[in-house]
C-alpha atoms as a PDB file:
ATOM      1  CA  GLN A   1       2.978  15.757 -10.237  1.00  0.00           C
ATOM      2  CA  VAL A   2      -0.443  14.862  -8.906  1.00  0.00           C
ATOM      3  CA  GLN A   3      -0.995  11.697  -6.898  1.00  0.00           C
ATOM      4  CA  LEU A   4      -4.474  10.202  -6.839  1.00  0.00           C
ATOM      5  CA  VAL A   5      -5.643   7.722  -4.225  1.00  0.00           C
ATOM      6  CA  GLU A   6      -9.003   6.004  -4.653  1.00  0.00           C
ATOM      7  CA  SER A   7     -11.022   4.274  -1.961  1.00  0.00           C
ATOM      8  CA  GLY A   8     -14.495   2.901  -1.362  1.00  0.00           C
ATOM      9  CA  GLY A   9     -14.631  -0.073  -3.676  1.00  0.00           C
ATOM     10  CA  GLY A  10     -15.858  -3.479  -2.574  1.00  0.00           C
ATOM     11  CA  LEU A  11     -18.391  -6.241  -2.994  1.00  0.00           C
ATOM     12  CA  VAL A  12     -22.089  -5.406  -3.014  1.00  0.00           C
ATOM     13  CA  GLN A  13     -25.291  -7.157  -4.029  1.00  0.00           C
ATOM     14  CA  ALA A  14     -27.268  -6.017  -7.026  1.00  0.00           C
ATOM     15  CA  GLY A  15     -29.448  -3.062  -6.105  1.00  0.00           C
ATOM     16  CA  GLY A  16     -27.001  -1.892  -3.476  1.00  0.00           C
ATOM     17  CA  SER A  17     -24.890   1.246  -3.230  1.00  0.00           C
ATOM     18  CA  LEU A  18     -21.246   2.223  -2.938  1.00  0.00           C
ATOM     19  CA  ARG A  19     -19.449   5.545  -2.690  1.00  0.00           C
ATOM     20  CA  LEU A  20     -16.024   5.941  -4.238  1.00  0.00           C
ATOM     21  CA  SER A  21     -13.595   8.670  -3.251  1.00  0.00           C
ATOM     22  CA  CYS A  22     -10.476   9.954  -4.938  1.00  0.00           C
ATOM     23  CA  ALA A  23      -8.130  12.344  -3.173  1.00  0.00           C
ATOM     24  CA  ALA A  24      -5.532  14.313  -5.102  1.00  0.00           C
ATOM     25  CA  SER A  25      -2.282  15.463  -3.544  1.00  0.00           C
ATOM     26  CA  GLY A  26       0.954  17.005  -4.680  1.00  0.00           C
ATOM     27  CA  ARG A  27       2.497  20.424  -5.058  1.00  0.00           C
ATOM     28  CA  GLY A  28       1.791  23.323  -7.333  1.00  0.00           C
ATOM     29  CA  PHE A  29      -1.249  21.959  -9.122  1.00  0.00           C
ATOM     30  CA  SER A  30      -4.739  23.181  -9.770  1.00  0.00           C
ATOM     31  CA  ILE A  31      -7.277  20.696 -11.045  1.00  0.00           C
ATOM     32  CA  ASN A  32      -9.789  21.630 -13.713  1.00  0.00           C
ATOM     33  CA  VAL A  33     -11.695  18.495 -14.661  1.00  0.00           C
ATOM     34  CA  MET A  34     -12.186  15.386 -12.519  1.00  0.00           C
ATOM     35  CA  ALA A  35     -13.636  12.173 -13.876  1.00  0.00           C
ATOM     36  CA  TRP A  36     -14.253   8.506 -13.283  1.00  0.00           C
ATOM     37  CA  TYR A  37     -13.582   5.709 -15.748  1.00  0.00           C
ATOM     38  CA  ARG A  38     -14.003   1.963 -15.410  1.00  0.00           C
ATOM     39  CA  GLN A  39     -12.617  -1.169 -16.970  1.00  0.00           C
ATOM     40  CA  ALA A  40     -14.381  -4.491 -16.855  1.00  0.00           C
ATOM     41  CA  PRO A  41     -12.497  -7.773 -17.411  1.00  0.00           C
ATOM     42  CA  GLY A  42     -11.716  -8.262 -21.083  1.00  0.00           C
ATOM     43  CA  LYS A  43     -13.060  -4.840 -22.051  1.00  0.00           C
ATOM     44  CA  GLN A  44     -11.596  -1.453 -22.824  1.00  0.00           C
ATOM     45  CA  ARG A  45     -11.584   1.292 -20.259  1.00  0.00           C
ATOM     46  CA  GLU A  46     -14.708   3.418 -20.588  1.00  0.00           C
ATOM     47  CA  TRP A  47     -15.687   6.853 -19.377  1.00  0.00           C
ATOM     48  CA  VAL A  48     -18.293   6.997 -16.597  1.00  0.00           C
ATOM     49  CA  ALA A  49     -18.722  10.600 -15.472  1.00  0.00           C
ATOM     50  CA  THR A  50     -17.052  13.998 -15.464  1.00  0.00           C
ATOM     51  CA  ILE A  51     -17.305  17.073 -13.273  1.00  0.00           C
ATOM     52  CA  ALA A  52     -15.810  20.424 -14.192  1.00  0.00           C
ATOM     53  CA  SER A  53     -14.341  22.917 -11.761  1.00  0.00           C
ATOM     54  CA  GLU A  54     -17.552  24.958 -11.603  1.00  0.00           C
ATOM     55  CA  GLY A  55     -19.620  21.849 -10.927  1.00  0.00           C
ATOM     56  CA  SER A  56     -21.181  20.966 -14.268  1.00  0.00           C
ATOM     57  CA  THR A  57     -21.502  17.213 -14.777  1.00  0.00           C
ATOM     58  CA  ASN A  58     -21.855  14.682 -17.564  1.00  0.00           C
ATOM     59  CA  TYR A  59     -22.626  10.982 -17.401  1.00  0.00           C
ATOM     60  CA  ALA A  60     -22.423   7.958 -19.632  1.00  0.00           C
ATOM     61  CA  ASP A  61     -25.889   6.774 -20.645  1.00  0.00           C
ATOM     62  CA  SER A  62     -25.325   3.476 -18.832  1.00  0.00           C
ATOM     63  CA  VAL A  63     -25.065   5.165 -15.432  1.00  0.00           C
ATOM     64  CA  LYS A  64     -27.415   8.142 -15.758  1.00  0.00           C
ATOM     65  CA  GLU A  65     -30.000   8.410 -12.987  1.00  0.00           C
ATOM     66  CA  ARG A  66     -28.027   5.878 -10.907  1.00  0.00           C
ATOM     67  CA  PHE A  67     -24.579   7.450 -10.353  1.00  0.00           C
ATOM     68  CA  THR A  68     -23.759  10.920  -9.043  1.00  0.00           C
ATOM     69  CA  ILE A  69     -20.366  12.577  -9.350  1.00  0.00           C
ATOM     70  CA  SER A  70     -19.420  15.395  -6.978  1.00  0.00           C
ATOM     71  CA  ARG A  71     -16.296  17.161  -5.810  1.00  0.00           C
ATOM     72  CA  ASP A  72     -14.889  19.080  -2.877  1.00  0.00           C
ATOM     73  CA  ASN A  73     -12.449  21.594  -4.307  1.00  0.00           C
ATOM     74  CA  ALA A  74     -11.088  22.534  -0.886  1.00  0.00           C
ATOM     75  CA  LYS A  75     -10.080  18.898  -0.354  1.00  0.00           C
ATOM     76  CA  ASN A  76      -9.143  18.176  -3.994  1.00  0.00           C
ATOM     77  CA  THR A  77     -11.426  15.172  -3.773  1.00  0.00           C
ATOM     78  CA  VAL A  78     -13.923  13.712  -6.213  1.00  0.00           C
ATOM     79  CA  TYR A  79     -16.674  11.284  -5.289  1.00  0.00           C
ATOM     80  CA  LEU A  80     -18.849   8.827  -7.164  1.00  0.00           C
ATOM     81  CA  GLN A  81     -22.085   7.795  -5.473  1.00  0.00           C
ATOM     82  CA  MET A  82     -23.299   4.622  -7.124  1.00  0.00           C
ATOM     83  CA  ASN A  83     -26.879   3.494  -6.483  1.00  0.00           C
ATOM     84  CA  SER A  84     -28.996   0.676  -7.901  1.00  0.00           C
ATOM     85  CA  LEU A  85     -25.839  -1.196  -8.821  1.00  0.00           C
ATOM     86  CA  LYS A  86     -26.037  -3.924 -11.453  1.00  0.00           C
ATOM     87  CA  PRO A  87     -23.720  -6.885 -12.112  1.00  0.00           C
ATOM     88  CA  GLU A  88     -22.643  -5.148 -15.330  1.00  0.00           C
ATOM     89  CA  ASP A  89     -21.224  -2.316 -13.205  1.00  0.00           C
ATOM     90  CA  THR A  90     -18.519  -4.717 -12.012  1.00  0.00           C
ATOM     91  CA  ALA A  91     -15.172  -3.230 -12.975  1.00  0.00           C
ATOM     92  CA  VAL A  92     -12.046  -1.536 -11.726  1.00  0.00           C
ATOM     93  CA  TYR A  93     -12.912   2.140 -11.308  1.00  0.00           C
ATOM     94  CA  TYR A  94     -10.249   4.739 -12.014  1.00  0.00           C
ATOM     95  CA  CYS A  95     -10.073   8.365 -11.016  1.00  0.00           C
ATOM     96  CA  ASN A  96      -8.813  10.791 -13.640  1.00  0.00           C
ATOM     97  CA  THR A  97      -7.896  14.443 -13.327  1.00  0.00           C
ATOM     98  CA  LYS A  98      -6.743  17.135 -15.708  1.00  0.00           C
ATOM     99  CA  THR A  99      -5.037  20.261 -14.469  1.00  0.00           C
ATOM    100  CA  TRP A 100      -5.480  23.733 -15.930  1.00  0.00           C
ATOM    101  CA  LEU A 101      -2.151  23.149 -17.694  1.00  0.00           C
ATOM    102  CA  GLY A 102      -3.617  20.101 -19.427  1.00  0.00           C
ATOM    103  CA  ILE A 103      -1.704  17.486 -17.422  1.00  0.00           C
ATOM    104  CA  THR A 104      -3.655  14.251 -16.975  1.00  0.00           C
ATOM    105  CA  ASN A 105      -3.230  11.854 -14.066  1.00  0.00           C
ATOM    106  CA  TRP A 106      -4.747   8.484 -13.197  1.00  0.00           C
ATOM    107  CA  GLY A 107      -5.347   6.741  -9.915  1.00  0.00           C
ATOM    108  CA  GLN A 108      -4.394   3.144  -9.259  1.00  0.00           C
ATOM    109  CA  GLY A 109      -7.976   1.902  -9.460  1.00  0.00           C
ATOM    110  CA  THR A 110     -10.430   0.391  -7.007  1.00  0.00           C
ATOM    111  CA  GLN A 111     -12.365  -2.819  -7.586  1.00  0.00           C
ATOM    112  CA  VAL A 112     -16.155  -2.770  -7.560  1.00  0.00           C
ATOM    113  CA  THR A 113     -17.893  -6.141  -7.710  1.00  0.00           C
ATOM    114  CA  VAL A 114     -21.678  -6.444  -7.918  1.00  0.00           C
ATOM    115  CA  SER A 115     -23.125  -9.885  -7.297  1.00  0.00           C
ATOM    116  CA  SER A 116     -26.438 -11.008  -8.745  1.00  0.00           C
END
């Protein structure tokens, strides 16, 4: 079982930046893909960005050029650098990982609020 703990959320003004972190812990796991999702009030959870084990990345169109996903494999940690934040980025952000065995885990979520 993999435990995921997110941190770094908060309140920021439009145009500002935040950096989210998600640390994975547990025993006997090896993570393949790490990703971030978000869920705004009254909306479905949506995919934000993904990073594979070798470092290749993909982003949702809504965050391209503004968000950067990265990972530290030695620390089993994934990051999301969010720049030029907009009020529509307000959501609970969730970390998601998939092991090489195909097991998916979710973090508890961290709130990001962008004021206009």
